[in-house]
Amino acid sequence: MKWIDLPPVWTVAALLLTWNVPLAAPWGTASVPGFIALGSAAALIAASLVEFARARTAVFPRQSPSALITTGIFRLSRNPIYLADLLILAGFSLIWGKLLGFFLVPVLAWVLIRRFITGEEARLTTAFGAQYEAYMFQTRRWL
């Protein structure tokens, strides 16, 4: 697996770009909402990892799943870790008072969908068929 094929690499790239571009948010810094976003992201990741461990299935993108996870946080979102990536970018953008990060949130979402989520959905459909399609119908991609 190439290092560029990991979602955190894209999140870090967006964070570095946000940090380095001197485009200040007109409202300044917003530490409390930023830390709430980061705490929410940490909670989403932790809850997701618990479910992956319970199911004993692959966490990394592009690996073949051995189980379909529909419990815990996955009852609310099909992609809670990717949602956490977006919250991390938004949270640091608030804390740093950087406007660019908010423009990059939908860009990062698009990258995650194109590079990771679409392929994962195809692998899950192949592996679990109608069971995964029913899960897709009842559970939103993000929240």
Protein backbone atom coordinates (compact mmCIF):
# COMPACT_ATOMS: atom_id res chain seq x y z
CA MET A 1 0.00 0.00 0.00
CA LYS A 2 1.38 3.38 -0.98
CA TRP A 3 1.55 5.98 1.79
CA ILE A 4 -0.50 8.43 -0.27
CA ASP A 5 -3.34 5.92 -0.27
CA LEU A 6 -4.14 6.52 3.39
CA PRO A 7 -6.86 9.03 4.30
CA PRO A 8 -4.85 10.67 7.13
CA VAL A 9 -2.24 11.75 4.58
CA TRP A 10 -4.89 13.79 2.78
CA THR A 11 -6.18 15.22 6.05
CA VAL A 12 -2.66 16.25 7.10
CA ALA A 13 -2.05 17.79 3.67
CA ALA A 14 -5.22 19.89 4.05
CA LEU A 15 -4.13 20.89 7.57
CA LEU A 16 -0.66 21.92 6.37
CA LEU A 17 -2.12 23.95 3.54
CA THR A 18 -4.60 25.60 5.92
CA TRP A 19 -1.86 26.43 8.43
CA ASN A 20 0.51 27.86 5.83
CA VAL A 21 -1.89 30.04 3.83
CA PRO A 22 -2.30 33.42 5.52
CA LEU A 23 -6.05 33.69 5.06
CA ALA A 24 -7.44 34.62 8.46
CA ALA A 25 -11.05 33.97 9.38
CA PRO A 26 -12.99 37.22 9.82
CA TRP A 27 -14.23 36.02 13.23
CA GLY A 28 -10.71 35.27 14.53
CA THR A 29 -10.09 32.13 16.52
CA ALA A 30 -12.86 30.02 17.99
CA SER A 31 -11.12 27.63 20.37
CA VAL A 32 -14.15 26.21 22.18
CA PRO A 33 -16.03 25.12 19.04
CA GLY A 34 -12.73 23.92 17.58
CA PHE A 35 -11.98 21.71 20.56
CA ILE A 36 -15.56 20.40 20.51
CA ALA A 37 -15.02 19.40 16.86
CA LEU A 38 -11.71 17.72 17.71
CA GLY A 39 -13.25 15.91 20.68
CA SER A 40 -16.11 14.74 18.49
CA ALA A 41 -13.61 13.49 15.92
CA ALA A 42 -11.69 11.57 18.59
CA ALA A 43 -14.93 10.03 19.88
CA LEU A 44 -15.95 8.97 16.35
CA ILE A 45 -12.57 7.36 15.71
CA ALA A 46 -12.53 5.57 19.06
CA ALA A 47 -16.10 4.29 18.63
CA SER A 48 -15.26 3.11 15.11
CA LEU A 49 -12.12 1.28 16.19
CA VAL A 50 -14.09 -0.51 18.92
CA GLU A 51 -16.54 -1.78 16.29
CA PHE A 52 -13.73 -2.83 13.93
CA ALA A 53 -12.08 -4.74 16.78
CA ARG A 54 -15.37 -6.45 17.72
CA ALA A 55 -15.96 -7.48 14.11
CA ARG A 56 -12.29 -8.44 13.57
CA THR A 57 -12.26 -6.93 10.12
CA ALA A 58 -9.91 -4.69 8.15
CA VAL A 59 -9.65 -1.04 9.17
CA PHE A 60 -7.45 0.13 6.31
CA PRO A 61 -8.94 1.22 2.99
CA ARG A 62 -8.54 -1.08 0.00
CA GLN A 63 -8.36 -4.21 2.18
CA SER A 64 -11.05 -6.82 1.75
CA PRO A 65 -13.65 -6.73 4.53
CA SER A 66 -14.40 -9.92 6.42
CA ALA A 67 -17.49 -8.53 8.18
CA LEU A 68 -20.13 -5.90 7.60
CA ILE A 69 -20.29 -3.54 10.57
CA THR A 70 -23.72 -2.03 11.17
CA THR A 71 -23.59 -1.70 14.96
CA GLY A 72 -22.45 1.03 17.32
CA ILE A 73 -21.49 4.28 15.60
CA PHE A 74 -22.06 2.59 12.23
CA ARG A 75 -25.81 2.73 12.92
CA LEU A 76 -25.56 6.51 12.49
CA SER A 77 -22.92 6.84 9.76
CA ARG A 78 -21.42 4.52 7.18
CA ASN A 79 -18.17 6.50 7.33
CA PRO A 80 -17.57 7.82 10.84
CA ILE A 81 -13.77 7.86 10.50
CA TYR A 82 -13.96 9.93 7.31
CA LEU A 83 -16.43 12.22 9.06
CA ALA A 84 -13.84 12.54 11.84
CA ASP A 85 -11.25 13.60 9.23
CA LEU A 86 -13.54 16.45 8.18
CA LEU A 87 -14.14 17.44 11.81
CA ILE A 88 -10.39 17.48 12.44
CA LEU A 89 -9.87 19.91 9.56
CA ALA A 90 -12.78 22.09 10.67
CA GLY A 91 -11.69 21.97 14.31
CA PHE A 92 -8.13 23.07 13.67
CA SER A 93 -9.37 25.74 11.26
CA LEU A 94 -11.50 27.16 14.07
CA ILE A 95 -8.71 26.99 16.63
CA TRP A 96 -6.18 28.57 14.27
CA GLY A 97 -8.66 31.12 12.91
CA LYS A 98 -7.91 30.05 9.34
CA LEU A 99 -10.59 30.54 6.71
CA LEU A 100 -9.03 28.32 4.05
CA GLY A 101 -9.76 25.19 6.08
CA PHE A 102 -13.49 25.74 5.70
CA PHE A 103 -13.14 25.89 1.94
CA LEU A 104 -11.05 22.72 2.08
CA VAL A 105 -13.60 20.69 4.08
CA PRO A 106 -15.79 19.97 1.01
CA VAL A 107 -12.65 19.44 -1.10
CA LEU A 108 -11.38 16.88 1.40
CA ALA A 109 -14.81 15.22 1.44
CA TRP A 110 -14.67 14.96 -2.36
CA VAL A 111 -11.15 13.45 -2.22
CA LEU A 112 -12.22 10.92 0.41
CA ILE A 113 -15.24 9.92 -1.65
CA ARG A 114 -13.28 9.59 -4.90
CA ARG A 115 -10.13 7.92 -3.54
CA PHE A 116 -11.58 5.73 -0.80
CA ILE A 117 -15.32 5.59 -0.16
CA THR A 118 -16.47 4.67 -3.67
CA GLY A 119 -14.07 1.72 -3.78
CA GLU A 120 -14.99 0.61 -0.29
CA GLU A 121 -18.67 0.69 -1.18
CA ALA A 122 -17.99 -1.43 -4.27
CA ARG A 123 -16.00 -3.99 -2.24
CA LEU A 124 -18.71 -4.14 0.42
CA THR A 125 -21.40 -4.57 -2.22
CA THR A 126 -19.43 -7.41 -3.80
CA ALA A 127 -18.78 -9.07 -0.44
CA PHE A 128 -22.18 -8.62 1.19
CA GLY A 129 -24.61 -7.92 -1.67
CA ALA A 130 -28.19 -7.18 -0.67
CA GLN A 131 -27.27 -6.95 3.02
CA TYR A 132 -24.92 -4.03 2.30
CA GLU A 133 -27.37 -2.42 -0.12
CA ALA A 134 -30.06 -2.48 2.60
CA TYR A 135 -27.58 -0.93 5.04
CA MET A 136 -26.73 1.79 2.49
CA PHE A 137 -30.42 2.55 2.08
CA GLN A 138 -31.06 2.96 5.80
CA THR A 139 -27.78 4.59 6.93
CA ARG A 140 -26.43 7.82 5.50
CA ARG A 141 -22.89 8.11 4.17
CA TRP A 142 -21.86 10.89 6.56
CA LEU A 143 -24.44 11.50 9.28
